[in-house]
C-alpha atoms as a PDB file:
ATOM      1  CA  MET A   1      14.844 -16.872 -58.799  1.00  0.00           C
ATOM      2  CA  LEU A   2      16.482 -17.225 -55.397  1.00  0.00           C
ATOM      3  CA  SER A   3      18.079 -20.451 -54.281  1.00  0.00           C
ATOM      4  CA  SER A   4      16.719 -22.165 -51.182  1.00  0.00           C
ATOM      5  CA  PHE A   5      19.813 -20.952 -49.303  1.00  0.00           C
ATOM      6  CA  ALA A   6      19.172 -17.330 -50.295  1.00  0.00           C
ATOM      7  CA  ALA A   7      15.482 -17.604 -49.411  1.00  0.00           C
ATOM      8  CA  ALA A   8      16.349 -19.009 -45.993  1.00  0.00           C
ATOM      9  CA  ARG A   9      19.058 -16.454 -45.398  1.00  0.00           C
ATOM     10  CA  PRO A  10      16.834 -13.792 -43.747  1.00  0.00           C
ATOM     11  CA  THR A  11      15.596 -16.435 -41.317  1.00  0.00           C
ATOM     12  CA  ARG A  12      19.130 -17.480 -40.441  1.00  0.00           C
ATOM     13  CA  LEU A  13      20.148 -13.843 -40.125  1.00  0.00           C
ATOM     14  CA  SER A  14      17.186 -13.173 -37.827  1.00  0.00           C
ATOM     15  CA  ARG A  15      18.126 -16.148 -35.677  1.00  0.00           C
ATOM     16  CA  LEU A  16      21.714 -14.959 -35.512  1.00  0.00           C
ATOM     17  CA  VAL A  17      20.629 -11.463 -34.425  1.00  0.00           C
ATOM     18  CA  ILE A  18      18.294 -12.847 -31.756  1.00  0.00           C
ATOM     19  CA  LEU A  19      20.971 -15.210 -30.490  1.00  0.00           C
ATOM     20  CA  SER A  20      23.499 -12.356 -30.323  1.00  0.00           C
ATOM     21  CA  VAL A  21      21.096 -10.155 -28.363  1.00  0.00           C
ATOM     22  CA  LEU A  22      20.292 -12.933 -25.897  1.00  0.00           C
ATOM     23  CA  LEU A  23      23.937 -13.797 -25.361  1.00  0.00           C
ATOM     24  CA  SER A  24      24.978 -10.187 -24.841  1.00  0.00           C
ATOM     25  CA  ALA A  25      22.113  -9.632 -22.401  1.00  0.00           C
ATOM     26  CA  SER A  26      23.113 -12.686 -20.387  1.00  0.00           C
ATOM     27  CA  VAL A  27      26.706 -11.526 -19.908  1.00  0.00           C
ATOM     28  CA  SER A  28      26.100  -7.776 -19.545  1.00  0.00           C
ATOM     29  CA  PRO A  29      26.165  -6.323 -16.054  1.00  0.00           C
ATOM     30  CA  VAL A  30      22.658  -5.655 -14.756  1.00  0.00           C
ATOM     31  CA  PRO A  31      22.041  -2.809 -12.320  1.00  0.00           C
ATOM     32  CA  THR A  32      20.862  -4.060  -8.939  1.00  0.00           C
ATOM     33  CA  VAL A  33      17.902  -2.694  -7.035  1.00  0.00           C
ATOM     34  CA  THR A  34      18.907  -1.314  -3.667  1.00  0.00           C
ATOM     35  CA  HIS A  35      15.875  -1.944  -1.492  1.00  0.00           C
ATOM     36  CA  ALA A  36      14.271  -5.135  -0.290  1.00  0.00           C
ATOM     37  CA  ALA A  37      10.739  -4.234  -1.319  1.00  0.00           C
ATOM     38  CA  ALA A  38      11.793  -4.650  -4.924  1.00  0.00           C
ATOM     39  CA  GLY A  39      12.875  -8.213  -4.286  1.00  0.00           C
ATOM     40  CA  THR A  40      16.439  -8.091  -3.016  1.00  0.00           C
ATOM     41  CA  THR A  41      17.463  -9.863   0.147  1.00  0.00           C
ATOM     42  CA  ALA A  42      16.854  -8.211   3.485  1.00  0.00           C
ATOM     43  CA  SER A  43      19.671  -6.122   4.865  1.00  0.00           C
ATOM     44  CA  TRP A  44      18.298  -4.502   8.018  1.00  0.00           C
ATOM     45  CA  ALA A  45      18.924  -5.581  11.601  1.00  0.00           C
ATOM     46  CA  TRP A  46      16.057  -6.090  14.047  1.00  0.00           C
ATOM     47  CA  PRO A  47      15.615  -2.971  16.235  1.00  0.00           C
ATOM     48  CA  VAL A  48      15.195  -4.914  19.512  1.00  0.00           C
ATOM     49  CA  PRO A  49      17.154  -7.830  21.011  1.00  0.00           C
ATOM     50  CA  VAL A  50      16.193 -11.449  20.281  1.00  0.00           C
ATOM     51  CA  PRO A  51      13.752 -13.102  20.394  1.00  0.00           C
ATOM     52  CA  HIS A  52      11.475 -11.247  17.963  1.00  0.00           C
ATOM     53  CA  PRO A  53       7.947 -12.608  18.439  1.00  0.00           C
ATOM     54  CA  ILE A  54       5.533 -10.550  16.376  1.00  0.00           C
ATOM     55  CA  GLU A  55       2.521  -9.724  18.482  1.00  0.00           C
ATOM     56  CA  ARG A  56       0.607  -8.046  15.654  1.00  0.00           C
ATOM     57  CA  PRO A  57       1.488  -8.196  11.932  1.00  0.00           C
ATOM     58  CA  PHE A  58       1.479  -5.493   9.273  1.00  0.00           C
ATOM     59  CA  ILE A  59      -1.973  -5.066   7.693  1.00  0.00           C
ATOM     60  CA  ALA A  60      -1.939  -2.856   4.615  1.00  0.00           C
ATOM     61  CA  PRO A  61      -4.773  -0.308   4.519  1.00  0.00           C
ATOM     62  CA  GLU A  62      -7.094  -0.377   1.505  1.00  0.00           C
ATOM     63  CA  SER A  63      -6.562   3.365   1.018  1.00  0.00           C
ATOM     64  CA  ALA A  64      -4.257   6.076   2.352  1.00  0.00           C
ATOM     65  CA  TYR A  65      -6.653   6.856   5.216  1.00  0.00           C
ATOM     66  CA  GLY A  66      -8.225   3.407   5.581  1.00  0.00           C
ATOM     67  CA  ALA A  67      -8.025   1.076   8.539  1.00  0.00           C
ATOM     68  CA  GLY A  68      -4.977  -1.129   8.844  1.00  0.00           C
ATOM     69  CA  HIS A  69      -1.929  -1.723  10.999  1.00  0.00           C
ATOM     70  CA  ARG A  70       0.926   0.254   9.475  1.00  0.00           C
ATOM     71  CA  GLY A  71       3.767  -1.651  11.081  1.00  0.00           C
ATOM     72  CA  ILE A  72       4.522  -4.674  13.216  1.00  0.00           C
ATOM     73  CA  ASP A  73       4.375  -4.981  16.991  1.00  0.00           C
ATOM     74  CA  ILE A  74       7.421  -6.851  18.293  1.00  0.00           C
ATOM     75  CA  SER A  75       7.203  -8.234  21.847  1.00  0.00           C
ATOM     76  CA  SER A  76      10.137  -7.217  24.005  1.00  0.00           C
ATOM     77  CA  THR A  77      11.029  -6.220  27.543  1.00  0.00           C
ATOM     78  CA  ASP A  78      10.507  -2.973  29.426  1.00  0.00           C
ATOM     79  CA  GLU A  79      13.399  -0.566  28.890  1.00  0.00           C
ATOM     80  CA  ALA A  80      14.832  -2.723  26.063  1.00  0.00           C
ATOM     81  CA  VAL A  81      17.464  -0.902  24.041  1.00  0.00           C
ATOM     82  CA  VAL A  82      16.219   0.040  20.568  1.00  0.00           C
ATOM     83  CA  THR A  83      18.860   0.095  17.834  1.00  0.00           C
ATOM     84  CA  ALA A  84      18.970   1.529  14.320  1.00  0.00           C
ATOM     85  CA  PRO A  85      18.247  -1.230  11.783  1.00  0.00           C
ATOM     86  CA  ALA A  86      20.256   0.565   9.079  1.00  0.00           C
ATOM     87  CA  ASP A  87      22.304   3.720   8.573  1.00  0.00           C
ATOM     88  CA  GLY A  88      20.288   6.926   8.504  1.00  0.00           C
ATOM     89  CA  VAL A  89      19.508  10.346   9.934  1.00  0.00           C
ATOM     90  CA  VAL A  90      17.008  11.099  12.701  1.00  0.00           C
ATOM     91  CA  TYR A  91      13.977  12.498  10.898  1.00  0.00           C
ATOM     92  CA  PHE A  92      11.747  13.067  13.946  1.00  0.00           C
ATOM     93  CA  ALA A  93      12.089  12.636  17.704  1.00  0.00           C
ATOM     94  CA  GLY A  94       9.205  13.768  19.863  1.00  0.00           C
ATOM     95  CA  VAL A  95       5.738  13.033  21.145  1.00  0.00           C
ATOM     96  CA  VAL A  96       2.834  12.173  18.854  1.00  0.00           C
ATOM     97  CA  VAL A  97      -0.519  12.346  20.668  1.00  0.00           C
ATOM     98  CA  ASP A  98       0.608  10.728  23.946  1.00  0.00           C
ATOM     99  CA  ARG A  99       3.560   8.539  22.892  1.00  0.00           C
ATOM    100  CA  PRO A 100       7.247   9.196  22.284  1.00  0.00           C
ATOM    101  CA  VAL A 101       8.098   8.435  18.644  1.00  0.00           C
ATOM    102  CA  LEU A 102      11.414   8.241  16.810  1.00  0.00           C
ATOM    103  CA  SER A 103      11.718   8.207  13.005  1.00  0.00           C
ATOM    104  CA  ILE A 104      14.896   7.629  10.989  1.00  0.00           C
ATOM    105  CA  ALA A 105      15.312   8.525   7.302  1.00  0.00           C
ATOM    106  CA  HIS A 106      17.331   5.919   5.401  1.00  0.00           C
ATOM    107  CA  ALA A 107      18.611   5.654   1.825  1.00  0.00           C
ATOM    108  CA  ASP A 108      16.297   4.905  -1.111  1.00  0.00           C
ATOM    109  CA  GLY A 109      13.249   6.807   0.194  1.00  0.00           C
ATOM    110  CA  LEU A 110      12.820   4.719   3.354  1.00  0.00           C
ATOM    111  CA  VAL A 111      11.745   6.056   6.755  1.00  0.00           C
ATOM    112  CA  SER A 112      11.497   3.788   9.805  1.00  0.00           C
ATOM    113  CA  SER A 113       9.449   4.698  12.896  1.00  0.00           C
ATOM    114  CA  TYR A 114       9.504   3.363  16.457  1.00  0.00           C
ATOM    115  CA  GLU A 115       7.047   3.814  19.316  1.00  0.00           C
ATOM    116  CA  PRO A 116       6.892   4.127  22.247  1.00  0.00           C
ATOM    117  CA  VAL A 117      10.605   4.901  22.283  1.00  0.00           C
ATOM    118  CA  GLU A 118      12.270   7.495  24.457  1.00  0.00           C
ATOM    119  CA  SER A 119      15.346   8.953  22.777  1.00  0.00           C
ATOM    120  CA  ASP A 120      17.877  11.686  23.487  1.00  0.00           C
ATOM    121  CA  LEU A 121      18.697  12.031  19.783  1.00  0.00           C
ATOM    122  CA  ALA A 122      17.868  15.263  17.980  1.00  0.00           C
ATOM    123  CA  GLN A 123      16.548  15.697  14.472  1.00  0.00           C
ATOM    124  CA  GLY A 124      19.449  15.566  12.007  1.00  0.00           C
ATOM    125  CA  THR A 125      21.616  13.209  14.085  1.00  0.00           C
ATOM    126  CA  THR A 126      23.398  10.604  11.950  1.00  0.00           C
ATOM    127  CA  VAL A 127      22.989   7.004  13.128  1.00  0.00           C
ATOM    128  CA  ARG A 128      24.643   3.790  11.978  1.00  0.00           C
ATOM    129  CA  ARG A 129      23.193   0.302  11.846  1.00  0.00           C
ATOM    130  CA  GLY A 130      23.260  -1.120  15.384  1.00  0.00           C
ATOM    131  CA  ASP A 131      23.603   2.242  17.178  1.00  0.00           C
ATOM    132  CA  ASN A 132      21.479   2.629  20.306  1.00  0.00           C
ATOM    133  CA  VAL A 133      18.743   5.121  19.413  1.00  0.00           C
ATOM    134  CA  GLY A 134      16.559   4.921  22.512  1.00  0.00           C
ATOM    135  CA  HIS A 135      14.796   2.621  24.927  1.00  0.00           C
ATOM    136  CA  LEU A 136      11.391   1.015  24.812  1.00  0.00           C
ATOM    137  CA  LEU A 137       8.630   2.206  27.116  1.00  0.00           C
ATOM    138  CA  PRO A 138       5.335   0.497  27.982  1.00  0.00           C
ATOM    139  CA  GLY A 139       2.061   1.752  26.589  1.00  0.00           C
ATOM    140  CA  HIS A 140       1.517   0.471  23.059  1.00  0.00           C
ATOM    141  CA  CYS A 141       0.421  -3.138  23.626  1.00  0.00           C
ATOM    142  CA  SER A 142      -1.060  -4.950  26.607  1.00  0.00           C
ATOM    143  CA  SER A 143       2.421  -6.438  27.078  1.00  0.00           C
ATOM    144  CA  ILE A 144       5.666  -4.602  26.312  1.00  0.00           C
ATOM    145  CA  CYS A 145       6.148  -4.234  22.567  1.00  0.00           C
ATOM    146  CA  LEU A 146       7.763  -2.024  19.963  1.00  0.00           C
ATOM    147  CA  HIS A 147       5.621  -0.703  17.125  1.00  0.00           C
ATOM    148  CA  PHE A 148       7.992  -0.683  14.143  1.00  0.00           C
ATOM    149  CA  GLY A 149       6.796   0.939  10.909  1.00  0.00           C
ATOM    150  CA  VAL A 150       8.449   1.519   7.527  1.00  0.00           C
ATOM    151  CA  ARG A 151       7.478   3.917   4.744  1.00  0.00           C
ATOM    152  CA  LEU A 152       8.825   3.723   1.209  1.00  0.00           C
ATOM    153  CA  TYR A 153       8.446   7.114  -0.495  1.00  0.00           C
ATOM    154  CA  GLY A 154       5.616   7.912   1.936  1.00  0.00           C
ATOM    155  CA  GLN A 155       3.706   4.632   1.538  1.00  0.00           C
ATOM    156  CA  TYR A 156       3.603   2.195   4.451  1.00  0.00           C
ATOM    157  CA  VAL A 157       5.132  -1.200   3.682  1.00  0.00           C
ATOM    158  CA  SER A 158       5.778  -4.244   5.834  1.00  0.00           C
ATOM    159  CA  PRO A 159       8.974  -3.948   7.881  1.00  0.00           C
ATOM    160  CA  LEU A 160       9.459  -7.672   7.280  1.00  0.00           C
ATOM    161  CA  ASN A 161      10.443  -6.792   3.698  1.00  0.00           C
ATOM    162  CA  TYR A 162      13.659  -5.409   5.182  1.00  0.00           C
ATOM    163  CA  LEU A 163      14.153  -7.847   8.063  1.00  0.00           C
ATOM    164  CA  GLY A 164      13.975 -11.082   6.087  1.00  0.00           C
ATOM    165  CA  GLY A 165      10.548 -12.135   7.348  1.00  0.00           C
ATOM    166  CA  ILE A 166       8.893 -12.366   3.932  1.00  0.00           C
ATOM    167  CA  PRO A 167      10.378 -14.773   1.401  1.00  0.00           C
ATOM    168  CA  PRO A 168      10.484 -13.539  -2.200  1.00  0.00           C
ATOM    169  CA  SER A 169       7.415 -14.236  -4.308  1.00  0.00           C
ATOM    170  CA  VAL A 170       7.673 -16.865  -7.004  1.00  0.00           C
ATOM    171  CA  LEU A 171       5.229 -16.420  -9.851  1.00  0.00           C
ATOM    172  CA  LEU A 172       4.371 -19.651 -11.595  1.00  0.00           C
ATOM    173  CA  PRO A 173       2.878 -20.011 -15.060  1.00  0.00           C
ATOM    174  CA  THR A 174      -0.823 -20.772 -15.074  1.00  0.00           C
ATOM    175  CA  ARG A 175      -1.560 -21.527 -18.716  1.00  0.00           C
ATOM    176  CA  SER A 176       0.566 -24.644 -18.911  1.00  0.00           C
ATOM    177  CA  LEU A 177      -0.745 -26.132 -15.673  1.00  0.00           C
ATOM    178  CA  PRO A 178      -3.662 -28.555 -15.792  1.00  0.00           C
ATOM    179  CA  LEU A 179      -6.904 -27.256 -14.348  1.00  0.00           C
ATOM    180  CA  PRO A 180      -7.896 -28.735 -10.987  1.00  0.00           C
ATOM    181  CA  PRO A 181     -10.711 -31.321 -11.084  1.00  0.00           C
END
């Protein structure tokens, strides 16, 4: 027959293993995610000079072809200089329907788009954060504004994820909270 110490030994061993795993996980380096949509802090610069009043917010479409507003409209001034919010390569520069559009491909599957922006840059041109990439023209809003859109691996996401306009979500437990009256 086993002593009480021997019978308890697997439990103590299990606790020791669990404790070791937890301690090693807490001191091990953890890879960081490199884009803001996954919860890191914003790292992009605003593409137009301050102030940055948002005339129309991002409204996610219910489906790929559904209605929505796939960017933000930032009020600005006529002929305002538009700058690259992050390092990248010009992906597209040309006219779409009746407006001049500029798109920049960035790291981590991100593409930013700007309209109506007139630019002398050609496809394939490397740009750095803060570089002048064009100037704003009238024609998108009733006042002068820049339509600024961001795609992450082809899906439109809010540009505010990258500009610091959306604080990180905090999920709270629901089971331990008392039910409202």
